[in-house]
Amino acid sequence: MADEIIKLGMRIEISDEFVTEDERDSRPLYISQVENLFSNGDFEIDMPIYQRQLILLHNGHRYKFLFYGDKYNYEAIVIVKDRYKADNRYLVRVQLVTQPEKVQRREYYRCCTTFEIKFHDLAEAEINSPQFSVIMKQYNAIDLEKIMMHGLVMDISGGGMKMVTRFPNEPGSYKRILFELPLEGEMVSFDVCGQILSCNLRKDTVSRYENRLKFINLDQDSREKIIRFIFEEERKLRRINRGTE
C-alpha cells in the first residue's frame, strides 16, 4: 500500500510523533520532500530547513509525517534509520512504523517569511453580503490610507497567515488585507479577506501583538499563487543552504 502512496518529489510536513491537532499551529512544523525510494520500503528525504536553519532529525527518533498527495493527504509515523551528507546535501533515511492513513482535513504548507501588509476592518455583514464586490468598490473610492493599518507578516500558507501589529485585534473580527509577493520574477498584488483567530501580546516586546488569521472566501487562483510563492521560497532556501555548506 505504502509504495502506491509515497512518490518521488512528494512534499512532507514533519512534526513530533505525539503532537496533537490543537498544537499544530503553535509548534514548529518542518517541510521536506521524498528524494529516493528503496526496494525494502525505506525512503530518503532532504533534511528540513526552518527559519533558514538546518533541522537535524535524530537517529532512532520517531516523527509524524504528513504526505501531500495530488488528491488526498496521508499521515504516518516513521523512524529515522540514518542521516548523512551526499553531493553537498543533508539527507535522512527513514522507515515507516505505521502504514499511511488518509486524512480528510485539508492542510497547507506554511512558509516563514517577512513582508509588510496593509489592512482595514470589515464588518461580518459586509463579508457575507451578496453585494460584497460593490462594497469593496465603495471602499476603494475613499482615501484608503486614512483607514489602513500596517502589519508585518511572519509566516503565510494557502490557508492564512501570522502577522505582527502595533495594536490588538479582536479574535473573530474580519479584515481586508493588501500585500504583494514576488512570483516568477515579478511582484503580484493580493487583495484578500480574513478572520482573526487569535491575538496575543508578544513576550519579547511591550508594543507588538501576534495575530493568527485565516483567509475567508479566498479564490483558487490567489491560493495557488500563494502556494507557488511558498514553493519558490523553499527552493531558494535550499539553494542558499547548499551554497554555504
C-alpha atoms as a PDB file:
ATOM      1  CA  MET A   1       0.000   0.000   0.000  1.00  0.00           C
ATOM      2  CA  ALA A   2       2.724   2.483   1.020  1.00  0.00           C
ATOM      3  CA  ASP A   3       4.581   2.084  -2.280  1.00  0.00           C
ATOM      4  CA  GLU A   4       1.412   3.183  -4.090  1.00  0.00           C
ATOM      5  CA  ILE A   5       1.167   6.350  -1.966  1.00  0.00           C
ATOM      6  CA  ILE A   6       4.728   7.585  -1.405  1.00  0.00           C
ATOM      7  CA  LYS A   7       6.201   9.005  -4.608  1.00  0.00           C
ATOM      8  CA  LEU A   8       9.408  10.790  -5.600  1.00  0.00           C
ATOM      9  CA  GLY A   9       9.140  14.540  -5.078  1.00  0.00           C
ATOM     10  CA  MET A  10       6.206  14.195  -2.675  1.00  0.00           C
ATOM     11  CA  ARG A  11       6.017  17.047  -0.173  1.00  0.00           C
ATOM     12  CA  ILE A  12       6.093  16.187   3.519  1.00  0.00           C
ATOM     13  CA  GLU A  13       5.234  18.082   6.692  1.00  0.00           C
ATOM     14  CA  ILE A  14       7.183  16.799   9.704  1.00  0.00           C
ATOM     15  CA  SER A  15       6.219  17.127  13.362  1.00  0.00           C
ATOM     16  CA  ASP A  16       6.871  15.299  16.633  1.00  0.00           C
ATOM     17  CA  GLU A  17       5.158  11.917  16.904  1.00  0.00           C
ATOM     18  CA  PHE A  18       2.784  12.960  19.681  1.00  0.00           C
ATOM     19  CA  VAL A  19       1.865  16.460  18.502  1.00  0.00           C
ATOM     20  CA  THR A  20      -1.899  16.947  18.746  1.00  0.00           C
ATOM     21  CA  GLU A  21      -4.172  18.731  16.297  1.00  0.00           C
ATOM     22  CA  ASP A  22      -4.550  21.637  18.736  1.00  0.00           C
ATOM     23  CA  GLU A  23      -0.768  22.012  18.966  1.00  0.00           C
ATOM     24  CA  ARG A  24      -0.114  22.068  15.218  1.00  0.00           C
ATOM     25  CA  ASP A  25      -0.375  25.862  14.965  1.00  0.00           C
ATOM     26  CA  SER A  26       1.862  26.553  17.979  1.00  0.00           C
ATOM     27  CA  ARG A  27       4.710  24.079  17.364  1.00  0.00           C
ATOM     28  CA  PRO A  28       7.248  24.164  14.523  1.00  0.00           C
ATOM     29  CA  LEU A  29       6.278  22.079  11.509  1.00  0.00           C
ATOM     30  CA  TYR A  30       9.106  21.260   9.145  1.00  0.00           C
ATOM     31  CA  ILE A  31       8.839  20.829   5.364  1.00  0.00           C
ATOM     32  CA  SER A  32      10.753  18.359   3.209  1.00  0.00           C
ATOM     33  CA  GLN A  33      10.218  16.090   0.218  1.00  0.00           C
ATOM     34  CA  VAL A  34      10.886  12.497  -0.872  1.00  0.00           C
ATOM     35  CA  GLU A  35      14.202  12.250  -2.721  1.00  0.00           C
ATOM     36  CA  ASN A  36      14.684   8.497  -3.124  1.00  0.00           C
ATOM     37  CA  LEU A  37      12.790   5.220  -2.702  1.00  0.00           C
ATOM     38  CA  PHE A  38      14.398   1.917  -1.654  1.00  0.00           C
ATOM     39  CA  SER A  39      13.294  -1.605  -2.520  1.00  0.00           C
ATOM     40  CA  ASN A  40      12.772  -2.571   1.140  1.00  0.00           C
ATOM     41  CA  GLY A  41      10.227   0.229   1.668  1.00  0.00           C
ATOM     42  CA  ASP A  42      12.597   2.783   3.208  1.00  0.00           C
ATOM     43  CA  PHE A  43      12.756   6.220   1.620  1.00  0.00           C
ATOM     44  CA  GLU A  44      15.065   9.199   1.684  1.00  0.00           C
ATOM     45  CA  ILE A  45      14.182  12.839   2.344  1.00  0.00           C
ATOM     46  CA  ASP A  46      16.009  16.143   2.497  1.00  0.00           C
ATOM     47  CA  MET A  47      16.933  17.278   5.984  1.00  0.00           C
ATOM     48  CA  PRO A  48      14.321  20.000   6.652  1.00  0.00           C
ATOM     49  CA  ILE A  49      15.098  23.706   6.927  1.00  0.00           C
ATOM     50  CA  TYR A  50      13.233  26.023   9.287  1.00  0.00           C
ATOM     51  CA  GLN A  51      13.798  29.795   9.569  1.00  0.00           C
ATOM     52  CA  ARG A  52      16.919  29.414   7.386  1.00  0.00           C
ATOM     53  CA  GLN A  53      18.429  26.804   9.700  1.00  0.00           C
ATOM     54  CA  LEU A  54      19.004  23.117   9.052  1.00  0.00           C
ATOM     55  CA  ILE A  55      16.902  20.974  11.416  1.00  0.00           C
ATOM     56  CA  LEU A  56      18.725  17.762  12.341  1.00  0.00           C
ATOM     57  CA  LEU A  57      16.378  14.796  12.666  1.00  0.00           C
ATOM     58  CA  HIS A  58      17.794  12.338  15.207  1.00  0.00           C
ATOM     59  CA  ASN A  59      18.710   8.723  14.510  1.00  0.00           C
ATOM     60  CA  GLY A  60      16.252   6.346  16.194  1.00  0.00           C
ATOM     61  CA  HIS A  61      13.705   9.107  16.782  1.00  0.00           C
ATOM     62  CA  ARG A  62      10.085   8.750  15.638  1.00  0.00           C
ATOM     63  CA  TYR A  63       8.279  11.530  13.790  1.00  0.00           C
ATOM     64  CA  LYS A  64       4.839  12.127  12.346  1.00  0.00           C
ATOM     65  CA  PHE A  65       4.880  12.656   8.571  1.00  0.00           C
ATOM     66  CA  LEU A  66       2.021  14.264   6.665  1.00  0.00           C
ATOM     67  CA  PHE A  67       2.307  13.389   2.966  1.00  0.00           C
ATOM     68  CA  TYR A  68       0.701  15.773   0.475  1.00  0.00           C
ATOM     69  CA  GLY A  69      -0.765  13.857  -2.477  1.00  0.00           C
ATOM     70  CA  ASP A  70      -2.488  15.143  -5.593  1.00  0.00           C
ATOM     71  CA  LYS A  71      -5.944  14.183  -4.326  1.00  0.00           C
ATOM     72  CA  TYR A  72      -5.500  13.142  -0.683  1.00  0.00           C
ATOM     73  CA  ASN A  73      -3.176  13.700   2.235  1.00  0.00           C
ATOM     74  CA  TYR A  74      -1.777  10.784   4.239  1.00  0.00           C
ATOM     75  CA  GLU A  75      -0.305  10.567   7.723  1.00  0.00           C
ATOM     76  CA  ALA A  76       2.158   8.017   9.115  1.00  0.00           C
ATOM     77  CA  ILE A  77       4.714   7.524  11.884  1.00  0.00           C
ATOM     78  CA  VAL A  78       8.295   6.976  10.734  1.00  0.00           C
ATOM     79  CA  ILE A  79      11.600   6.256  12.443  1.00  0.00           C
ATOM     80  CA  VAL A  80      14.943   7.739  11.374  1.00  0.00           C
ATOM     81  CA  LYS A  81      17.378   4.982  10.386  1.00  0.00           C
ATOM     82  CA  ASP A  82      20.298   7.117   9.195  1.00  0.00           C
ATOM     83  CA  ARG A  83      21.333  10.622   8.253  1.00  0.00           C
ATOM     84  CA  TYR A  84      24.252  11.606   6.039  1.00  0.00           C
ATOM     85  CA  LYS A  85      25.659  14.111   3.584  1.00  0.00           C
ATOM     86  CA  ALA A  86      25.845  13.367  -0.137  1.00  0.00           C
ATOM     87  CA  ASP A  87      26.511  15.724  -3.056  1.00  0.00           C
ATOM     88  CA  ASN A  88      26.600  18.673  -0.659  1.00  0.00           C
ATOM     89  CA  ARG A  89      23.131  17.823   0.641  1.00  0.00           C
ATOM     90  CA  TYR A  90      21.990  16.577   4.046  1.00  0.00           C
ATOM     91  CA  LEU A  91      19.701  13.563   3.666  1.00  0.00           C
ATOM     92  CA  VAL A  92      17.714  11.324   6.008  1.00  0.00           C
ATOM     93  CA  ARG A  93      16.757   7.680   5.511  1.00  0.00           C
ATOM     94  CA  VAL A  94      13.515   6.751   7.250  1.00  0.00           C
ATOM     95  CA  GLN A  95      11.370   3.654   7.731  1.00  0.00           C
ATOM     96  CA  LEU A  96       7.615   3.513   8.133  1.00  0.00           C
ATOM     97  CA  VAL A  97       6.403   2.462  11.577  1.00  0.00           C
ATOM     98  CA  THR A  98       2.722   2.719  10.613  1.00  0.00           C
ATOM     99  CA  GLN A  99       1.074   2.495   7.221  1.00  0.00           C
ATOM    100  CA  PRO A 100      -0.017   5.842   5.720  1.00  0.00           C
ATOM    101  CA  GLU A 101      -3.620   6.671   6.575  1.00  0.00           C
ATOM    102  CA  LYS A 102      -5.760   9.066   4.600  1.00  0.00           C
ATOM    103  CA  VAL A 103      -6.615  12.281   6.461  1.00  0.00           C
ATOM    104  CA  GLN A 104      -9.752  14.145   5.494  1.00  0.00           C
ATOM    105  CA  ARG A 105      -8.745  17.635   6.541  1.00  0.00           C
ATOM    106  CA  ARG A 106      -7.004  19.916   4.104  1.00  0.00           C
ATOM    107  CA  GLU A 107      -3.747  21.476   5.263  1.00  0.00           C
ATOM    108  CA  TYR A 108      -1.415  23.968   3.665  1.00  0.00           C
ATOM    109  CA  TYR A 109       2.322  24.479   3.847  1.00  0.00           C
ATOM    110  CA  ARG A 110       3.455  27.353   5.987  1.00  0.00           C
ATOM    111  CA  CYS A 111       6.389  29.474   4.923  1.00  0.00           C
ATOM    112  CA  CYS A 112       8.403  31.527   7.410  1.00  0.00           C
ATOM    113  CA  THR A 113       8.949  34.851   5.674  1.00  0.00           C
ATOM    114  CA  THR A 114       8.672  38.569   6.334  1.00  0.00           C
ATOM    115  CA  PHE A 115       6.820  41.206   4.363  1.00  0.00           C
ATOM    116  CA  GLU A 116       4.643  44.229   5.074  1.00  0.00           C
ATOM    117  CA  ILE A 117       0.877  44.342   4.679  1.00  0.00           C
ATOM    118  CA  LYS A 118      -1.871  46.914   4.907  1.00  0.00           C
ATOM    119  CA  PHE A 119      -5.307  46.062   6.280  1.00  0.00           C
ATOM    120  CA  HIS A 120      -8.563  47.586   7.440  1.00  0.00           C
ATOM    121  CA  ASP A 121     -11.585  46.383   9.381  1.00  0.00           C
ATOM    122  CA  LEU A 122     -14.618  44.789   7.753  1.00  0.00           C
ATOM    123  CA  ALA A 123     -17.964  44.021   9.351  1.00  0.00           C
ATOM    124  CA  GLU A 124     -19.320  40.473   9.262  1.00  0.00           C
ATOM    125  CA  ALA A 125     -22.343  41.743   7.359  1.00  0.00           C
ATOM    126  CA  GLU A 126     -20.031  43.140   4.669  1.00  0.00           C
ATOM    127  CA  ILE A 127     -18.163  39.843   4.328  1.00  0.00           C
ATOM    128  CA  ASN A 128     -21.411  37.898   3.913  1.00  0.00           C
ATOM    129  CA  SER A 129     -23.194  40.445   1.752  1.00  0.00           C
ATOM    130  CA  PRO A 130     -24.184  39.396  -1.799  1.00  0.00           C
ATOM    131  CA  GLN A 131     -23.085  42.929  -2.744  1.00  0.00           C
ATOM    132  CA  PHE A 132     -19.550  42.366  -1.457  1.00  0.00           C
ATOM    133  CA  SER A 133     -17.867  43.484  -4.694  1.00  0.00           C
ATOM    134  CA  VAL A 134     -19.897  46.714  -4.628  1.00  0.00           C
ATOM    135  CA  ILE A 135     -18.877  47.331  -1.012  1.00  0.00           C
ATOM    136  CA  MET A 136     -15.202  46.887  -1.946  1.00  0.00           C
ATOM    137  CA  LYS A 137     -15.567  49.421  -4.772  1.00  0.00           C
ATOM    138  CA  GLN A 138     -17.042  51.873  -2.268  1.00  0.00           C
ATOM    139  CA  TYR A 139     -14.026  51.396  -0.015  1.00  0.00           C
ATOM    140  CA  ASN A 140     -11.687  51.915  -2.975  1.00  0.00           C
ATOM    141  CA  ALA A 141     -13.423  55.189  -3.783  1.00  0.00           C
ATOM    142  CA  ILE A 142     -12.327  56.721  -0.476  1.00  0.00           C
ATOM    143  CA  ASP A 143      -8.826  57.589   0.738  1.00  0.00           C
ATOM    144  CA  LEU A 144      -7.794  54.134   1.945  1.00  0.00           C
ATOM    145  CA  GLU A 145      -4.681  55.454   3.673  1.00  0.00           C
ATOM    146  CA  LYS A 146      -6.928  57.108   6.251  1.00  0.00           C
ATOM    147  CA  ILE A 147      -8.323  53.760   7.439  1.00  0.00           C
ATOM    148  CA  MET A 148      -5.412  51.447   6.662  1.00  0.00           C
ATOM    149  CA  MET A 149      -3.366  49.865   9.428  1.00  0.00           C
ATOM    150  CA  HIS A 150       0.032  48.260   8.961  1.00  0.00           C
ATOM    151  CA  GLY A 151       1.395  44.883   9.927  1.00  0.00           C
ATOM    152  CA  LEU A 152       4.341  42.583   9.377  1.00  0.00           C
ATOM    153  CA  VAL A 153       3.733  39.008   8.239  1.00  0.00           C
ATOM    154  CA  MET A 154       5.834  36.307   9.951  1.00  0.00           C
ATOM    155  CA  ASP A 155       4.554  33.282   8.045  1.00  0.00           C
ATOM    156  CA  ILE A 156       1.991  32.524   5.359  1.00  0.00           C
ATOM    157  CA  SER A 157       0.224  29.484   3.955  1.00  0.00           C
ATOM    158  CA  GLY A 158      -2.549  28.817   1.475  1.00  0.00           C
ATOM    159  CA  GLY A 159      -4.946  28.939   4.417  1.00  0.00           C
ATOM    160  CA  GLY A 160      -3.857  32.026   6.330  1.00  0.00           C
ATOM    161  CA  MET A 161      -1.016  33.978   7.890  1.00  0.00           C
ATOM    162  CA  LYS A 162       0.610  35.040  11.128  1.00  0.00           C
ATOM    163  CA  MET A 163       1.140  38.793  11.411  1.00  0.00           C
ATOM    164  CA  VAL A 164       2.514  41.216  13.978  1.00  0.00           C
ATOM    165  CA  THR A 165       0.692  44.514  14.612  1.00  0.00           C
ATOM    166  CA  ARG A 166       1.140  47.507  16.908  1.00  0.00           C
ATOM    167  CA  PHE A 167      -2.429  47.267  18.198  1.00  0.00           C
ATOM    168  CA  PRO A 168      -4.518  44.278  19.314  1.00  0.00           C
ATOM    169  CA  ASN A 169      -7.195  42.837  17.040  1.00  0.00           C
ATOM    170  CA  GLU A 170     -10.359  41.235  18.338  1.00  0.00           C
ATOM    171  CA  PRO A 171     -10.479  37.461  17.757  1.00  0.00           C
ATOM    172  CA  GLY A 172     -13.341  36.751  15.373  1.00  0.00           C
ATOM    173  CA  SER A 173     -13.067  40.152  13.669  1.00  0.00           C
ATOM    174  CA  TYR A 174     -12.733  40.426   9.888  1.00  0.00           C
ATOM    175  CA  LYS A 175     -10.036  42.206   7.906  1.00  0.00           C
ATOM    176  CA  ARG A 176      -9.283  43.138   4.324  1.00  0.00           C
ATOM    177  CA  ILE A 177      -5.561  42.621   3.629  1.00  0.00           C
ATOM    178  CA  LEU A 178      -3.473  44.115   0.824  1.00  0.00           C
ATOM    179  CA  PHE A 179       0.041  42.851   0.078  1.00  0.00           C
ATOM    180  CA  GLU A 180       2.469  41.891  -2.670  1.00  0.00           C
ATOM    181  CA  LEU A 181       4.557  38.764  -3.203  1.00  0.00           C
ATOM    182  CA  PRO A 182       7.420  38.165  -5.646  1.00  0.00           C
ATOM    183  CA  LEU A 183       6.363  35.435  -8.039  1.00  0.00           C
ATOM    184  CA  GLU A 184       8.273  34.245 -11.086  1.00  0.00           C
ATOM    185  CA  GLY A 185      10.318  37.440 -11.297  1.00  0.00           C
ATOM    186  CA  GLU A 186       7.569  39.992 -10.745  1.00  0.00           C
ATOM    187  CA  MET A 187       5.529  41.432  -7.893  1.00  0.00           C
ATOM    188  CA  VAL A 188       1.955  40.140  -7.693  1.00  0.00           C
ATOM    189  CA  SER A 189      -0.694  42.086  -5.769  1.00  0.00           C
ATOM    190  CA  PHE A 190      -3.190  40.391  -3.454  1.00  0.00           C
ATOM    191  CA  ASP A 191      -6.449  41.795  -2.107  1.00  0.00           C
ATOM    192  CA  VAL A 192      -7.908  39.208   0.295  1.00  0.00           C
ATOM    193  CA  CYS A 193     -10.145  38.921   3.343  1.00  0.00           C
ATOM    194  CA  GLY A 194      -9.537  37.080   6.564  1.00  0.00           C
ATOM    195  CA  GLN A 195     -10.730  36.454  10.099  1.00  0.00           C
ATOM    196  CA  ILE A 196      -8.585  36.879  13.220  1.00  0.00           C
ATOM    197  CA  LEU A 197      -8.313  33.556  15.070  1.00  0.00           C
ATOM    198  CA  SER A 198      -6.164  34.763  17.976  1.00  0.00           C
ATOM    199  CA  CYS A 199      -4.265  37.831  19.135  1.00  0.00           C
ATOM    200  CA  ASN A 200      -1.598  37.736  21.854  1.00  0.00           C
ATOM    201  CA  LEU A 201       0.954  40.180  23.199  1.00  0.00           C
ATOM    202  CA  ARG A 202       4.436  39.044  22.166  1.00  0.00           C
ATOM    203  CA  LYS A 203       6.655  38.136  25.112  1.00  0.00           C
ATOM    204  CA  ASP A 204       9.707  39.801  23.572  1.00  0.00           C
ATOM    205  CA  THR A 205       8.130  43.265  23.311  1.00  0.00           C
ATOM    206  CA  VAL A 206       5.669  45.553  25.084  1.00  0.00           C
ATOM    207  CA  SER A 207       4.050  47.009  21.969  1.00  0.00           C
ATOM    208  CA  ARG A 208       3.618  44.228  19.418  1.00  0.00           C
ATOM    209  CA  TYR A 209       0.761  41.757  19.031  1.00  0.00           C
ATOM    210  CA  GLU A 210       0.940  38.420  17.244  1.00  0.00           C
ATOM    211  CA  ASN A 211      -2.202  37.608  15.256  1.00  0.00           C
ATOM    212  CA  ARG A 212      -3.247  34.359  13.587  1.00  0.00           C
ATOM    213  CA  LEU A 213      -5.567  34.946  10.652  1.00  0.00           C
ATOM    214  CA  LYS A 214      -7.358  32.563   8.311  1.00  0.00           C
ATOM    215  CA  PHE A 215      -8.349  33.560   4.800  1.00  0.00           C
ATOM    216  CA  ILE A 216     -12.065  33.916   4.062  1.00  0.00           C
ATOM    217  CA  ASN A 217     -13.516  33.217   0.604  1.00  0.00           C
ATOM    218  CA  LEU A 218     -10.062  33.129  -0.973  1.00  0.00           C
ATOM    219  CA  ASP A 219     -10.370  32.400  -4.686  1.00  0.00           C
ATOM    220  CA  GLN A 220      -8.499  29.393  -6.051  1.00  0.00           C
ATOM    221  CA  ASP A 221      -6.216  31.466  -8.282  1.00  0.00           C
ATOM    222  CA  SER A 222      -4.949  33.557  -5.350  1.00  0.00           C
ATOM    223  CA  ARG A 223      -4.483  30.455  -3.196  1.00  0.00           C
ATOM    224  CA  GLU A 224      -2.473  28.703  -5.900  1.00  0.00           C
ATOM    225  CA  LYS A 225      -0.282  31.781  -6.363  1.00  0.00           C
ATOM    226  CA  ILE A 226       0.435  31.919  -2.607  1.00  0.00           C
ATOM    227  CA  ILE A 227       1.330  28.218  -2.576  1.00  0.00           C
ATOM    228  CA  ARG A 228       3.552  28.718  -5.642  1.00  0.00           C
ATOM    229  CA  PHE A 229       5.341  31.553  -3.784  1.00  0.00           C
ATOM    230  CA  ILE A 230       5.908  29.241  -0.814  1.00  0.00           C
ATOM    231  CA  PHE A 231       7.436  26.522  -3.005  1.00  0.00           C
ATOM    232  CA  GLU A 232       9.686  29.096  -4.695  1.00  0.00           C
ATOM    233  CA  GLU A 233      10.880  30.359  -1.304  1.00  0.00           C
ATOM    234  CA  GLU A 234      11.579  26.805  -0.182  1.00  0.00           C
ATOM    235  CA  ARG A 235      13.724  26.165  -3.273  1.00  0.00           C
ATOM    236  CA  LYS A 236      15.632  29.418  -2.670  1.00  0.00           C
ATOM    237  CA  LEU A 237      16.377  28.401   0.924  1.00  0.00           C
ATOM    238  CA  ARG A 238      17.704  25.030  -0.196  1.00  0.00           C
ATOM    239  CA  ARG A 239      19.956  26.663  -2.792  1.00  0.00           C
ATOM    240  CA  ILE A 240      21.248  29.140  -0.193  1.00  0.00           C
ATOM    241  CA  ASN A 241      21.848  26.339   2.300  1.00  0.00           C
ATOM    242  CA  ARG A 242      23.787  24.261  -0.238  1.00  0.00           C
ATOM    243  CA  GLY A 243      25.862  27.277  -1.272  1.00  0.00           C
ATOM    244  CA  THR A 244      27.040  27.959   2.288  1.00  0.00           C
ATOM    245  CA  GLU A 245      27.982  24.380   3.181  1.00  0.00           C
END
